[in-house]
Amino acid sequence: MKFNYDGNSEKSGIYEIYNRLKDRYYIGQTLRQFTDRWREHKSSLLKDSKSRGETNIWLKNDFKKCLKDQANDDFLEFKIIEIVDLSGCLNEKEKLARTNPREIFWVAEYKKQGKGVYNLTEGGSLGGCWLGRHHTEAAKRKMSQSKKGRIFSKEHLQKLREHLLKENKSRTGRKFKTRIGFISPLKGRKLTEEHKRNSKAAQIILRGIDHGSSKLIENIELVSPEGIIYTRIECLAEFCREHKLNRQGIQSVLDGKHKGYKDGWRLSSTSASEIKTISKETSRKLSEAVKRIWEERKKTK
């Protein structure tokens, strides 16, 4: 890397970074010393991860490509374009009021001269930030067309899935799984009639009910507005439909979150903690019953 400070390394102002192999320029500004700003650029160019004073992404990509083809990095040159006097400025806002117009001027001047520049914006304090800016309709159409019809190889998709799963371990929702192409091992699988009968038998053996995966609630005293006491609910959803109740409302009463619901439905004695214990115990029994059925099936085979 070459430097051309002309004895002004400790001053501030406008500078250029020239890529000789690509014949393109990056125009930037600094409120500190030129040496400090170049040190940040150098650190960003040599590191894969983002660092303070992140360099223009297009300049960074070209630098990495050229570095692979060259034995050294002498193709890159840092040069001071204009020194801006910041004396008398009390804060950063006043300093930017002096450097921003000069950066905008030099970016426009290089483009006017037909020089290739890495800068995507006109310059100024916003730099590469798109806060408050909008793409033109033509740019939106161009970006849309560039992404249509793209076909990725199986190897690329697999790497993408592994990366997304690694970076998003906690994101396991349906939308996220669809996005990364996750395919459930049960997708497209059809249960045999024998499997269905065994599952149904496990429910009946365990609970004496036929409501699929619904939780059995027992050993309770749920009192209706008419004074009727219910000590066993086989399926809460069906119970609520029958009595025209809201399921969440009754569940909150059963969990002990509310003392009553809708015209006097209340829990008499059983606490919410006891109900949860019953639910866990029921779940354990169901698991054991299903295991017994599968073991019996294996023996018969």
C-alpha atoms as a PDB file:
ATOM      1  CA  MET A   1       0.000   0.000   0.000  1.00  0.00           C
ATOM      2  CA  LYS A   2       1.317   3.392  -0.985  1.00  0.00           C
ATOM      3  CA  PHE A   3       0.809   6.659   0.892  1.00  0.00           C
ATOM      4  CA  ASN A   4       1.033  10.221  -0.363  1.00  0.00           C
ATOM      5  CA  TYR A   5       0.609  12.570   2.610  1.00  0.00           C
ATOM      6  CA  ASP A   6       2.838  15.386   1.284  1.00  0.00           C
ATOM      7  CA  GLY A   7       3.818  16.201   4.873  1.00  0.00           C
ATOM      8  CA  ASN A   8       0.189  16.663   5.966  1.00  0.00           C
ATOM      9  CA  SER A   9      -0.420  13.323   7.691  1.00  0.00           C
ATOM     10  CA  GLU A  10      -1.549  14.996  10.925  1.00  0.00           C
ATOM     11  CA  LYS A  11      -4.148  17.238   9.271  1.00  0.00           C
ATOM     12  CA  SER A  12      -7.800  16.651   8.297  1.00  0.00           C
ATOM     13  CA  GLY A  13      -9.808  16.956   5.097  1.00  0.00           C
ATOM     14  CA  ILE A  14     -10.662  15.065   1.901  1.00  0.00           C
ATOM     15  CA  TYR A  15      -8.723  12.055   0.596  1.00  0.00           C
ATOM     16  CA  GLU A  16      -8.856   9.426  -2.134  1.00  0.00           C
ATOM     17  CA  ILE A  17      -8.032   5.713  -2.194  1.00  0.00           C
ATOM     18  CA  TYR A  18      -7.007   4.649  -5.697  1.00  0.00           C
ATOM     19  CA  ASN A  19      -7.138   1.056  -6.943  1.00  0.00           C
ATOM     20  CA  ARG A  20      -4.668   1.014  -9.829  1.00  0.00           C
ATOM     21  CA  LEU A  21      -5.705  -2.421 -11.125  1.00  0.00           C
ATOM     22  CA  LYS A  22      -9.402  -1.494 -11.343  1.00  0.00           C
ATOM     23  CA  ASP A  23      -8.787   2.199 -12.085  1.00  0.00           C
ATOM     24  CA  ARG A  24     -11.391   3.279  -9.561  1.00  0.00           C
ATOM     25  CA  TYR A  25     -11.362   5.814  -6.721  1.00  0.00           C
ATOM     26  CA  TYR A  26     -12.971   6.081  -3.321  1.00  0.00           C
ATOM     27  CA  ILE A  27     -13.471   9.638  -2.025  1.00  0.00           C
ATOM     28  CA  GLY A  28     -13.749  10.140   1.726  1.00  0.00           C
ATOM     29  CA  GLN A  29     -13.417  12.703   4.487  1.00  0.00           C
ATOM     30  CA  THR A  30     -11.996  12.669   7.991  1.00  0.00           C
ATOM     31  CA  LEU A  31     -12.274  15.019  10.958  1.00  0.00           C
ATOM     32  CA  ARG A  32      -9.191  13.477  12.552  1.00  0.00           C
ATOM     33  CA  GLN A  33      -5.681  12.943  11.246  1.00  0.00           C
ATOM     34  CA  PHE A  34      -5.290  11.342   7.835  1.00  0.00           C
ATOM     35  CA  THR A  35      -3.073   8.633   9.353  1.00  0.00           C
ATOM     36  CA  ASP A  36      -5.816   7.631  11.821  1.00  0.00           C
ATOM     37  CA  ARG A  37      -8.427   7.352   9.063  1.00  0.00           C
ATOM     38  CA  TRP A  38      -6.138   5.282   6.854  1.00  0.00           C
ATOM     39  CA  ARG A  39      -5.387   2.968   9.775  1.00  0.00           C
ATOM     40  CA  GLU A  40      -9.123   2.268  10.070  1.00  0.00           C
ATOM     41  CA  HIS A  41      -9.416   1.586   6.335  1.00  0.00           C
ATOM     42  CA  LYS A  42      -6.429  -0.753   6.441  1.00  0.00           C
ATOM     43  CA  SER A  43      -7.864  -2.688   9.384  1.00  0.00           C
ATOM     44  CA  SER A  44     -11.212  -3.057   7.617  1.00  0.00           C
ATOM     45  CA  LEU A  45      -9.634  -4.180   4.338  1.00  0.00           C
ATOM     46  CA  LEU A  46      -7.558  -6.912   5.968  1.00  0.00           C
ATOM     47  CA  LYS A  47     -10.315  -8.272   8.224  1.00  0.00           C
ATOM     48  CA  ASP A  48     -13.289 -10.371   7.156  1.00  0.00           C
ATOM     49  CA  SER A  49     -15.520  -9.050   9.926  1.00  0.00           C
ATOM     50  CA  LYS A  50     -16.780  -5.496  10.207  1.00  0.00           C
ATOM     51  CA  SER A  51     -14.628  -3.081  12.158  1.00  0.00           C
ATOM     52  CA  ARG A  52     -14.722   0.554  13.210  1.00  0.00           C
ATOM     53  CA  GLY A  53     -14.500   2.873  10.231  1.00  0.00           C
ATOM     54  CA  GLU A  54     -15.852   0.238   7.843  1.00  0.00           C
ATOM     55  CA  THR A  55     -14.519   0.659   4.299  1.00  0.00           C
ATOM     56  CA  ASN A  56     -16.779   0.922   1.256  1.00  0.00           C
ATOM     57  CA  ILE A  57     -17.930  -2.641   0.498  1.00  0.00           C
ATOM     58  CA  TRP A  58     -17.161  -2.391  -3.242  1.00  0.00           C
ATOM     59  CA  LEU A  59     -13.625  -1.185  -2.550  1.00  0.00           C
ATOM     60  CA  LYS A  60     -13.189  -3.986  -0.027  1.00  0.00           C
ATOM     61  CA  ASN A  61     -14.379  -6.674  -2.461  1.00  0.00           C
ATOM     62  CA  ASP A  62     -12.094  -5.423  -5.242  1.00  0.00           C
ATOM     63  CA  PHE A  63      -9.165  -5.270  -2.819  1.00  0.00           C
ATOM     64  CA  LYS A  64      -9.605  -8.934  -1.860  1.00  0.00           C
ATOM     65  CA  LYS A  65      -9.888 -10.040  -5.494  1.00  0.00           C
ATOM     66  CA  CYS A  66      -6.817  -8.074  -6.563  1.00  0.00           C
ATOM     67  CA  LEU A  67      -4.845  -9.278  -3.557  1.00  0.00           C
ATOM     68  CA  LYS A  68      -5.340 -12.884  -4.693  1.00  0.00           C
ATOM     69  CA  ASP A  69      -3.955 -12.070  -8.157  1.00  0.00           C
ATOM     70  CA  GLN A  70      -1.029  -9.958  -6.926  1.00  0.00           C
ATOM     71  CA  ALA A  71       1.905 -10.911  -4.742  1.00  0.00           C
ATOM     72  CA  ASN A  72       1.572  -7.610  -2.821  1.00  0.00           C
ATOM     73  CA  ASP A  73      -0.876  -4.769  -2.180  1.00  0.00           C
ATOM     74  CA  ASP A  74       1.042  -1.979  -3.937  1.00  0.00           C
ATOM     75  CA  PHE A  75      -1.921  -1.492  -6.300  1.00  0.00           C
ATOM     76  CA  LEU A  76      -3.692   0.548  -3.593  1.00  0.00           C
ATOM     77  CA  GLU A  77      -2.722   4.174  -2.918  1.00  0.00           C
ATOM     78  CA  PHE A  78      -3.899   6.664  -0.295  1.00  0.00           C
ATOM     79  CA  LYS A  79      -3.625  10.305  -1.325  1.00  0.00           C
ATOM     80  CA  ILE A  80      -4.703  13.633   0.191  1.00  0.00           C
ATOM     81  CA  ILE A  81      -6.904  15.704  -2.142  1.00  0.00           C
ATOM     82  CA  GLU A  82      -7.685  18.749  -0.021  1.00  0.00           C
ATOM     83  CA  ILE A  83      -6.877  19.941   3.484  1.00  0.00           C
ATOM     84  CA  VAL A  84      -9.836  21.470   5.334  1.00  0.00           C
ATOM     85  CA  ASP A  85      -9.095  23.967   8.112  1.00  0.00           C
ATOM     86  CA  LEU A  86     -11.138  22.969  11.184  1.00  0.00           C
ATOM     87  CA  SER A  87      -9.686  25.516  13.560  1.00  0.00           C
ATOM     88  CA  GLY A  88     -12.296  27.414  15.535  1.00  0.00           C
ATOM     89  CA  CYS A  89     -14.877  24.605  15.292  1.00  0.00           C
ATOM     90  CA  LEU A  90     -16.392  23.865  18.699  1.00  0.00           C
ATOM     91  CA  ASN A  91     -18.054  20.536  17.930  1.00  0.00           C
ATOM     92  CA  GLU A  92     -18.432  17.815  15.315  1.00  0.00           C
ATOM     93  CA  LYS A  93     -21.458  19.479  13.739  1.00  0.00           C
ATOM     94  CA  GLU A  94     -19.473  22.593  12.933  1.00  0.00           C
ATOM     95  CA  LYS A  95     -16.614  20.488  11.532  1.00  0.00           C
ATOM     96  CA  LEU A  96     -18.964  18.553   9.258  1.00  0.00           C
ATOM     97  CA  ALA A  97     -20.415  21.824   8.011  1.00  0.00           C
ATOM     98  CA  ARG A  98     -16.977  22.492   6.502  1.00  0.00           C
ATOM     99  CA  THR A  99     -15.985  19.003   5.267  1.00  0.00           C
ATOM    100  CA  ASN A 100     -19.338  17.825   3.860  1.00  0.00           C
ATOM    101  CA  PRO A 101     -19.551  20.371   0.991  1.00  0.00           C
ATOM    102  CA  ARG A 102     -15.956  19.619  -0.020  1.00  0.00           C
ATOM    103  CA  GLU A 103     -16.540  15.859  -0.117  1.00  0.00           C
ATOM    104  CA  ILE A 104     -19.703  16.354  -2.182  1.00  0.00           C
ATOM    105  CA  PHE A 105     -17.750  18.633  -4.535  1.00  0.00           C
ATOM    106  CA  TRP A 106     -14.922  16.148  -5.105  1.00  0.00           C
ATOM    107  CA  VAL A 107     -17.229  13.161  -5.661  1.00  0.00           C
ATOM    108  CA  ALA A 108     -19.117  15.168  -8.302  1.00  0.00           C
ATOM    109  CA  GLU A 109     -15.845  16.410  -9.834  1.00  0.00           C
ATOM    110  CA  TYR A 110     -14.423  12.891 -10.245  1.00  0.00           C
ATOM    111  CA  LYS A 111     -17.648  11.710 -11.854  1.00  0.00           C
ATOM    112  CA  LYS A 112     -17.645  14.764 -14.135  1.00  0.00           C
ATOM    113  CA  GLN A 113     -14.105  13.894 -15.269  1.00  0.00           C
ATOM    114  CA  GLY A 114     -15.259  10.376 -16.149  1.00  0.00           C
ATOM    115  CA  LYS A 115     -13.286   8.670 -13.402  1.00  0.00           C
ATOM    116  CA  GLY A 116     -14.680   5.490 -11.923  1.00  0.00           C
ATOM    117  CA  VAL A 117     -15.630   5.910  -8.258  1.00  0.00           C
ATOM    118  CA  TYR A 118     -16.691   3.442  -5.584  1.00  0.00           C
ATOM    119  CA  ASN A 119     -18.924   6.015  -3.860  1.00  0.00           C
ATOM    120  CA  LEU A 120     -22.596   5.147  -4.220  1.00  0.00           C
ATOM    121  CA  THR A 121     -23.842   8.431  -2.745  1.00  0.00           C
ATOM    122  CA  GLU A 122     -23.026  12.039  -3.423  1.00  0.00           C
ATOM    123  CA  GLY A 123     -21.019  12.257  -0.191  1.00  0.00           C
ATOM    124  CA  GLY A 124     -21.575  14.253   2.961  1.00  0.00           C
ATOM    125  CA  SER A 125     -22.064  13.246   6.579  1.00  0.00           C
ATOM    126  CA  LEU A 126     -24.526  10.470   5.704  1.00  0.00           C
ATOM    127  CA  GLY A 127     -21.894   8.701   3.624  1.00  0.00           C
ATOM    128  CA  GLY A 128     -23.181   5.244   2.741  1.00  0.00           C
ATOM    129  CA  CYS A 129     -26.129   5.418   5.146  1.00  0.00           C
ATOM    130  CA  TRP A 130     -29.562   5.099   3.483  1.00  0.00           C
ATOM    131  CA  LEU A 131     -31.504   6.506   6.414  1.00  0.00           C
ATOM    132  CA  GLY A 132     -34.293   8.637   5.005  1.00  0.00           C
ATOM    133  CA  ARG A 133     -33.399   7.821   1.390  1.00  0.00           C
ATOM    134  CA  HIS A 134     -35.392   5.837  -1.158  1.00  0.00           C
ATOM    135  CA  HIS A 135     -34.554   3.781  -4.220  1.00  0.00           C
ATOM    136  CA  THR A 136     -35.919   5.063  -7.511  1.00  0.00           C
ATOM    137  CA  GLU A 137     -38.567   3.002  -9.295  1.00  0.00           C
ATOM    138  CA  ALA A 138     -36.031   2.130 -11.976  1.00  0.00           C
ATOM    139  CA  ALA A 139     -33.577   0.876  -9.341  1.00  0.00           C
ATOM    140  CA  LYS A 140     -36.325  -1.186  -7.682  1.00  0.00           C
ATOM    141  CA  ARG A 141     -37.230  -2.830 -11.004  1.00  0.00           C
ATOM    142  CA  LYS A 142     -33.573  -3.567 -11.724  1.00  0.00           C
ATOM    143  CA  MET A 143     -33.067  -5.191  -8.311  1.00  0.00           C
ATOM    144  CA  SER A 144     -36.251  -7.203  -8.748  1.00  0.00           C
ATOM    145  CA  GLN A 145     -35.249  -8.493 -12.190  1.00  0.00           C
ATOM    146  CA  SER A 146     -31.758  -9.459 -10.983  1.00  0.00           C
ATOM    147  CA  LYS A 147     -33.244 -11.794  -8.353  1.00  0.00           C
ATOM    148  CA  LYS A 148     -35.868 -13.456 -10.542  1.00  0.00           C
ATOM    149  CA  GLY A 149     -35.113 -16.881 -11.951  1.00  0.00           C
ATOM    150  CA  ARG A 150     -32.021 -17.401  -9.796  1.00  0.00           C
ATOM    151  CA  ILE A 151     -31.186 -21.083  -9.396  1.00  0.00           C
ATOM    152  CA  PHE A 152     -28.935 -22.200  -6.555  1.00  0.00           C
ATOM    153  CA  SER A 153     -27.044 -25.472  -6.506  1.00  0.00           C
ATOM    154  CA  LYS A 154     -27.839 -28.101  -3.881  1.00  0.00           C
ATOM    155  CA  GLU A 155     -24.438 -27.496  -2.258  1.00  0.00           C
ATOM    156  CA  HIS A 156     -25.142 -23.755  -2.001  1.00  0.00           C
ATOM    157  CA  LEU A 157     -28.579 -24.332  -0.482  1.00  0.00           C
ATOM    158  CA  GLN A 158     -27.163 -26.779   2.051  1.00  0.00           C
ATOM    159  CA  LYS A 159     -24.486 -24.277   3.118  1.00  0.00           C
ATOM    160  CA  LEU A 160     -27.159 -21.585   3.404  1.00  0.00           C
ATOM    161  CA  ARG A 161     -29.321 -23.816   5.617  1.00  0.00           C
ATOM    162  CA  GLU A 162     -26.381 -24.679   7.871  1.00  0.00           C
ATOM    163  CA  HIS A 163     -25.414 -21.014   8.202  1.00  0.00           C
ATOM    164  CA  LEU A 164     -28.952 -19.858   8.992  1.00  0.00           C
ATOM    165  CA  LEU A 165     -29.474 -22.631  11.528  1.00  0.00           C
ATOM    166  CA  LYS A 166     -26.173 -21.760  13.189  1.00  0.00           C
ATOM    167  CA  GLU A 167     -26.950 -18.036  13.359  1.00  0.00           C
ATOM    168  CA  ASN A 168     -30.613 -18.511  14.313  1.00  0.00           C
ATOM    169  CA  LYS A 169     -30.681 -21.413  16.760  1.00  0.00           C
ATOM    170  CA  SER A 170     -33.653 -19.964  18.620  1.00  0.00           C
ATOM    171  CA  ARG A 171     -35.696 -19.367  15.450  1.00  0.00           C
ATOM    172  CA  THR A 172     -37.612 -22.581  14.878  1.00  0.00           C
ATOM    173  CA  GLY A 173     -40.965 -21.239  13.713  1.00  0.00           C
ATOM    174  CA  ARG A 174     -42.833 -22.453  10.642  1.00  0.00           C
ATOM    175  CA  LYS A 175     -41.965 -19.382   8.534  1.00  0.00           C
ATOM    176  CA  PHE A 176     -38.254 -19.666   9.335  1.00  0.00           C
ATOM    177  CA  LYS A 177     -38.188 -23.394   8.529  1.00  0.00           C
ATOM    178  CA  THR A 178     -39.952 -22.728   5.227  1.00  0.00           C
ATOM    179  CA  ARG A 179     -37.441 -20.003   4.382  1.00  0.00           C
ATOM    180  CA  ILE A 180     -34.402 -22.277   4.781  1.00  0.00           C
ATOM    181  CA  GLY A 181     -36.092 -25.195   3.033  1.00  0.00           C
ATOM    182  CA  PHE A 182     -36.507 -27.375   6.117  1.00  0.00           C
ATOM    183  CA  ILE A 183     -38.386 -30.575   5.273  1.00  0.00           C
ATOM    184  CA  SER A 184     -40.029 -32.460   8.104  1.00  0.00           C
ATOM    185  CA  PRO A 185     -39.319 -36.222   8.103  1.00  0.00           C
ATOM    186  CA  LEU A 186     -43.097 -36.725   8.539  1.00  0.00           C
ATOM    187  CA  LYS A 187     -44.027 -34.678   5.463  1.00  0.00           C
ATOM    188  CA  GLY A 188     -46.033 -36.754   3.010  1.00  0.00           C
ATOM    189  CA  ARG A 189     -46.166 -39.716   5.361  1.00  0.00           C
ATOM    190  CA  LYS A 190     -49.560 -41.398   5.614  1.00  0.00           C
ATOM    191  CA  LEU A 191     -50.527 -43.292   8.727  1.00  0.00           C
ATOM    192  CA  THR A 192     -51.784 -46.802   8.198  1.00  0.00           C
ATOM    193  CA  GLU A 193     -55.189 -47.806   9.507  1.00  0.00           C
ATOM    194  CA  GLU A 194     -53.461 -50.099  12.009  1.00  0.00           C
ATOM    195  CA  HIS A 195     -51.372 -47.160  13.297  1.00  0.00           C
ATOM    196  CA  LYS A 196     -54.513 -45.075  13.700  1.00  0.00           C
ATOM    197  CA  ARG A 197     -56.281 -47.870  15.573  1.00  0.00           C
ATOM    198  CA  ASN A 198     -53.315 -48.349  17.921  1.00  0.00           C
ATOM    199  CA  SER A 199     -53.124 -44.612  18.684  1.00  0.00           C
ATOM    200  CA  LYS A 200     -56.827 -44.508  19.362  1.00  0.00           C
ATOM    201  CA  ALA A 201     -56.577 -47.611  21.562  1.00  0.00           C
ATOM    202  CA  ALA A 202     -53.803 -46.001  23.607  1.00  0.00           C
ATOM    203  CA  GLN A 203     -56.047 -43.022  24.338  1.00  0.00           C
ATOM    204  CA  ILE A 204     -58.978 -45.225  25.370  1.00  0.00           C
ATOM    205  CA  ILE A 205     -56.807 -47.558  27.484  1.00  0.00           C
ATOM    206  CA  LEU A 206     -55.234 -44.654  29.320  1.00  0.00           C
ATOM    207  CA  ARG A 207     -58.175 -42.293  29.779  1.00  0.00           C
ATOM    208  CA  GLY A 208     -61.282 -44.110  28.770  1.00  0.00           C
ATOM    209  CA  ILE A 209     -61.966 -41.242  26.343  1.00  0.00           C
ATOM    210  CA  ASP A 210     -61.646 -40.653  22.620  1.00  0.00           C
ATOM    211  CA  HIS A 211     -60.548 -37.049  22.116  1.00  0.00           C
ATOM    212  CA  GLY A 212     -57.180 -37.395  20.434  1.00  0.00           C
ATOM    213  CA  SER A 213     -54.408 -35.419  22.146  1.00  0.00           C
ATOM    214  CA  SER A 214     -56.711 -33.354  24.413  1.00  0.00           C
ATOM    215  CA  LYS A 215     -55.753 -33.158  28.082  1.00  0.00           C
ATOM    216  CA  LEU A 216     -57.910 -34.917  30.629  1.00  0.00           C
ATOM    217  CA  ILE A 217     -58.803 -32.686  33.586  1.00  0.00           C
ATOM    218  CA  GLU A 218     -60.018 -34.510  36.681  1.00  0.00           C
ATOM    219  CA  ASN A 219     -60.200 -34.246  40.459  1.00  0.00           C
ATOM    220  CA  ILE A 220     -61.602 -30.742  40.178  1.00  0.00           C
ATOM    221  CA  GLU A 221     -64.746 -28.980  41.326  1.00  0.00           C
ATOM    222  CA  LEU A 222     -65.758 -26.547  38.607  1.00  0.00           C
ATOM    223  CA  VAL A 223     -69.017 -24.911  39.668  1.00  0.00           C
ATOM    224  CA  SER A 224     -71.442 -23.546  37.052  1.00  0.00           C
ATOM    225  CA  PRO A 225     -73.740 -20.522  37.653  1.00  0.00           C
ATOM    226  CA  GLU A 226     -76.607 -23.005  38.206  1.00  0.00           C
ATOM    227  CA  GLY A 227     -74.650 -24.759  40.982  1.00  0.00           C
ATOM    228  CA  ILE A 228     -73.760 -27.876  38.970  1.00  0.00           C
ATOM    229  CA  ILE A 229     -70.351 -29.285  39.959  1.00  0.00           C
ATOM    230  CA  TYR A 230     -68.117 -30.808  37.261  1.00  0.00           C
ATOM    231  CA  THR A 231     -65.334 -33.049  38.609  1.00  0.00           C
ATOM    232  CA  ARG A 232     -64.040 -34.341  35.275  1.00  0.00           C
ATOM    233  CA  ILE A 233     -63.562 -32.697  31.865  1.00  0.00           C
ATOM    234  CA  GLU A 234     -62.504 -35.054  29.078  1.00  0.00           C
ATOM    235  CA  CYS A 235     -62.058 -32.398  26.380  1.00  0.00           C
ATOM    236  CA  LEU A 236     -61.965 -28.730  27.343  1.00  0.00           C
ATOM    237  CA  ALA A 237     -62.664 -27.513  23.798  1.00  0.00           C
ATOM    238  CA  GLU A 238     -65.813 -29.629  23.500  1.00  0.00           C
ATOM    239  CA  PHE A 239     -66.899 -28.660  27.027  1.00  0.00           C
ATOM    240  CA  CYS A 240     -66.629 -24.951  26.147  1.00  0.00           C
ATOM    241  CA  ARG A 241     -68.551 -25.411  22.885  1.00  0.00           C
ATOM    242  CA  GLU A 242     -71.322 -27.247  24.695  1.00  0.00           C
ATOM    243  CA  HIS A 243     -71.718 -24.525  27.342  1.00  0.00           C
ATOM    244  CA  LYS A 244     -70.942 -21.583  24.987  1.00  0.00           C
ATOM    245  CA  LEU A 245     -67.830 -20.531  26.881  1.00  0.00           C
ATOM    246  CA  ASN A 246     -64.512 -19.044  25.919  1.00  0.00           C
ATOM    247  CA  ARG A 247     -61.745 -21.631  26.230  1.00  0.00           C
ATOM    248  CA  GLN A 248     -59.099 -19.153  27.454  1.00  0.00           C
ATOM    249  CA  GLY A 249     -61.494 -17.814  30.065  1.00  0.00           C
ATOM    250  CA  ILE A 250     -62.223 -21.230  31.578  1.00  0.00           C
ATOM    251  CA  GLN A 251     -58.547 -22.216  31.322  1.00  0.00           C
ATOM    252  CA  SER A 252     -57.565 -19.128  33.328  1.00  0.00           C
ATOM    253  CA  VAL A 253     -59.977 -20.214  36.052  1.00  0.00           C
ATOM    254  CA  LEU A 254     -58.601 -23.760  36.065  1.00  0.00           C
ATOM    255  CA  ASP A 255     -55.023 -22.394  36.249  1.00  0.00           C
ATOM    256  CA  GLY A 256     -55.950 -20.205  39.205  1.00  0.00           C
ATOM    257  CA  LYS A 257     -55.283 -16.934  37.358  1.00  0.00           C
ATOM    258  CA  HIS A 258     -58.877 -15.732  37.837  1.00  0.00           C
ATOM    259  CA  LYS A 259     -61.350 -16.499  40.578  1.00  0.00           C
ATOM    260  CA  GLY A 260     -64.361 -16.622  38.281  1.00  0.00           C
ATOM    261  CA  TYR A 261     -65.584 -16.303  34.704  1.00  0.00           C
ATOM    262  CA  LYS A 262     -68.814 -15.374  32.901  1.00  0.00           C
ATOM    263  CA  ASP A 263     -71.852 -15.283  35.194  1.00  0.00           C
ATOM    264  CA  GLY A 264     -70.294 -17.296  38.018  1.00  0.00           C
ATOM    265  CA  TRP A 265     -68.143 -20.147  36.656  1.00  0.00           C
ATOM    266  CA  ARG A 266     -65.614 -20.751  39.428  1.00  0.00           C
ATOM    267  CA  LEU A 267     -63.232 -23.298  40.853  1.00  0.00           C
ATOM    268  CA  SER A 268     -64.264 -24.702  44.205  1.00  0.00           C
ATOM    269  CA  SER A 269     -61.299 -26.489  45.734  1.00  0.00           C
ATOM    270  CA  THR A 270     -58.590 -27.832  43.403  1.00  0.00           C
ATOM    271  CA  SER A 271     -55.672 -25.458  42.950  1.00  0.00           C
ATOM    272  CA  ALA A 272     -53.975 -24.671  39.660  1.00  0.00           C
ATOM    273  CA  SER A 273     -50.766 -26.391  40.747  1.00  0.00           C
ATOM    274  CA  GLU A 274     -52.651 -29.635  41.368  1.00  0.00           C
ATOM    275  CA  ILE A 275     -54.215 -29.426  37.923  1.00  0.00           C
ATOM    276  CA  LYS A 276     -50.803 -28.980  36.290  1.00  0.00           C
ATOM    277  CA  THR A 277     -49.454 -31.963  38.266  1.00  0.00           C
ATOM    278  CA  ILE A 278     -52.353 -34.076  37.027  1.00  0.00           C
ATOM    279  CA  SER A 279     -51.651 -32.975  33.454  1.00  0.00           C
ATOM    280  CA  LYS A 280     -47.971 -33.982  33.658  1.00  0.00           C
ATOM    281  CA  GLU A 281     -48.822 -37.298  35.275  1.00  0.00           C
ATOM    282  CA  THR A 282     -51.382 -37.983  32.561  1.00  0.00           C
ATOM    283  CA  SER A 283     -48.803 -37.196  29.899  1.00  0.00           C
ATOM    284  CA  ARG A 284     -46.344 -39.646  31.454  1.00  0.00           C
ATOM    285  CA  LYS A 285     -48.951 -42.411  31.563  1.00  0.00           C
ATOM    286  CA  LEU A 286     -49.847 -41.817  27.936  1.00  0.00           C
ATOM    287  CA  SER A 287     -46.208 -42.136  26.906  1.00  0.00           C
ATOM    288  CA  GLU A 288     -45.859 -45.427  28.786  1.00  0.00           C
ATOM    289  CA  ALA A 289     -49.051 -46.800  27.232  1.00  0.00           C
ATOM    290  CA  VAL A 290     -47.867 -45.959  23.704  1.00  0.00           C
ATOM    291  CA  LYS A 291     -44.499 -47.651  24.396  1.00  0.00           C
ATOM    292  CA  ARG A 292     -46.268 -50.784  25.596  1.00  0.00           C
ATOM    293  CA  ILE A 293     -48.348 -50.949  22.423  1.00  0.00           C
ATOM    294  CA  TRP A 294     -45.288 -50.587  20.179  1.00  0.00           C
ATOM    295  CA  GLU A 295     -43.416 -53.247  22.122  1.00  0.00           C
ATOM    296  CA  GLU A 296     -46.360 -55.633  21.725  1.00  0.00           C
ATOM    297  CA  ARG A 297     -46.416 -54.930  17.977  1.00  0.00           C
ATOM    298  CA  LYS A 298     -42.698 -55.729  17.680  1.00  0.00           C
ATOM    299  CA  LYS A 299     -43.187 -59.018  19.515  1.00  0.00           C
ATOM    300  CA  THR A 300     -46.050 -60.054  17.230  1.00  0.00           C
ATOM    301  CA  LYS A 301     -43.904 -59.363  14.146  1.00  0.00           C
END
